[in-house]
C-alpha atoms as a PDB file:
ATOM      1  CA  UNK A   1     103.320 123.248  77.959  1.00  0.00           C
ATOM      2  CA  UNK A   2      99.776 122.091  78.583  1.00  0.00           C
ATOM      3  CA  UNK A   3      98.179 121.951  82.088  1.00  0.00           C
ATOM      4  CA  UNK A   4      98.729 118.312  82.875  1.00  0.00           C
ATOM      5  CA  UNK A   5     102.674 119.011  81.926  1.00  0.00           C
ATOM      6  CA  UNK A   6     102.353 122.104  84.649  1.00  0.00           C
ATOM      7  CA  UNK A   7     100.877 119.867  87.382  1.00  0.00           C
ATOM      8  CA  UNK A   8     103.415 117.261  86.850  1.00  0.00           C
ATOM      9  CA  UNK A   9     106.085 119.417  86.998  1.00  0.00           C
ATOM     10  CA  UNK A  10     104.983 120.944  90.195  1.00  0.00           C
ATOM     11  CA  UNK A  11     105.088 117.418  91.725  1.00  0.00           C
ATOM     12  CA  UNK A  12     108.459 116.874  90.570  1.00  0.00           C
ATOM     13  CA  UNK A  13     109.967 119.927  91.858  1.00  0.00           C
ATOM     14  CA  UNK A  14     108.329 119.535  95.336  1.00  0.00           C
ATOM     15  CA  UNK A  15     110.253 117.856  98.168  1.00  0.00           C
ATOM     16  CA  UNK A  16     106.994 117.099  99.879  1.00  0.00           C
ATOM     17  CA  UNK A  17     103.645 115.881  99.198  1.00  0.00           C
ATOM     18  CA  UNK A  18     101.158 118.445  98.003  1.00  0.00           C
ATOM     19  CA  UNK A  19      97.398 119.201  98.128  1.00  0.00           C
ATOM     20  CA  UNK A  20      95.563 120.314  95.043  1.00  0.00           C
ATOM     21  CA  UNK A  21      95.457 124.195  96.368  1.00  0.00           C
ATOM     22  CA  UNK A  22      99.305 124.103  96.785  1.00  0.00           C
ATOM     23  CA  UNK A  23      99.721 122.441  93.232  1.00  0.00           C
ATOM     24  CA  UNK A  24      97.418 125.199  91.879  1.00  0.00           C
ATOM     25  CA  UNK A  25      99.582 127.915  93.562  1.00  0.00           C
ATOM     26  CA  UNK A  26     102.827 126.246  92.113  1.00  0.00           C
ATOM     27  CA  UNK A  27     101.712 125.717  88.481  1.00  0.00           C
ATOM     28  CA  UNK A  28      99.669 128.603  87.977  1.00  0.00           C
ATOM     29  CA  UNK A  29      96.925 126.234  86.971  1.00  0.00           C
ATOM     30  CA  UNK A  30      93.046 127.001  88.171  1.00  0.00           C
ATOM     31  CA  UNK A  31      92.227 124.546  90.862  1.00  0.00           C
ATOM     32  CA  UNK A  32      89.222 123.283  89.344  1.00  0.00           C
ATOM     33  CA  UNK A  33      91.346 122.267  86.278  1.00  0.00           C
ATOM     34  CA  UNK A  34      94.000 120.857  88.866  1.00  0.00           C
ATOM     35  CA  UNK A  35      91.437 118.846  90.632  1.00  0.00           C
ATOM     36  CA  UNK A  36      90.608 117.188  87.097  1.00  0.00           C
ATOM     37  CA  UNK A  37      94.286 116.473  86.353  1.00  0.00           C
ATOM     38  CA  UNK A  38      94.875 114.956  89.612  1.00  0.00           C
ATOM     39  CA  UNK A  39      91.990 112.780  89.315  1.00  0.00           C
ATOM     40  CA  UNK A  40      93.503 111.525  85.863  1.00  0.00           C
ATOM     41  CA  UNK A  41      96.746 110.937  87.791  1.00  0.00           C
ATOM     42  CA  UNK A  42      95.217 108.978  90.711  1.00  0.00           C
ATOM     43  CA  UNK A  43      93.387 106.939  88.197  1.00  0.00           C
ATOM     44  CA  UNK A  44      96.516 105.680  86.204  1.00  0.00           C
ATOM     45  CA  UNK A  45      98.758 105.763  89.159  1.00  0.00           C
ATOM     46  CA  UNK A  46     101.227 108.429  88.429  1.00  0.00           C
ATOM     47  CA  UNK A  47     100.538 109.994  91.675  1.00  0.00           C
ATOM     48  CA  UNK A  48      99.887 108.319  95.111  1.00  0.00           C
ATOM     49  CA  UNK A  49      98.836 109.390  98.705  1.00  0.00           C
ATOM     50  CA  UNK A  50     101.389 108.893 101.587  1.00  0.00           C
ATOM     51  CA  UNK A  51      98.870 111.004 103.673  1.00  0.00           C
ATOM     52  CA  UNK A  52      95.209 111.918 103.671  1.00  0.00           C
ATOM     53  CA  UNK A  53      94.535 114.692 101.022  1.00  0.00           C
ATOM     54  CA  UNK A  54      98.154 115.200 100.003  1.00  0.00           C
ATOM     55  CA  UNK A  55      99.748 113.557  96.872  1.00  0.00           C
ATOM     56  CA  UNK A  56     103.042 113.014  95.567  1.00  0.00           C
ATOM     57  CA  UNK A  57     104.645 111.271  92.255  1.00  0.00           C
ATOM     58  CA  UNK A  58     104.841 107.414  92.387  1.00  0.00           C
ATOM     59  CA  UNK A  59     108.162 106.118  92.496  1.00  0.00           C
END
């Protein structure tokens, strides 16, 4: 499983929106890498923000 899959898995397993720090803790991926992956996911609209600085998977 690559880092991107780990980050997406962290979002799938969470009941609440997550910030990058929390995703890093859950997935075990370095925060800088999480930031890069989340930037990609935002760009292709895989994740959306229900509130400032917190993200969740798009429905």
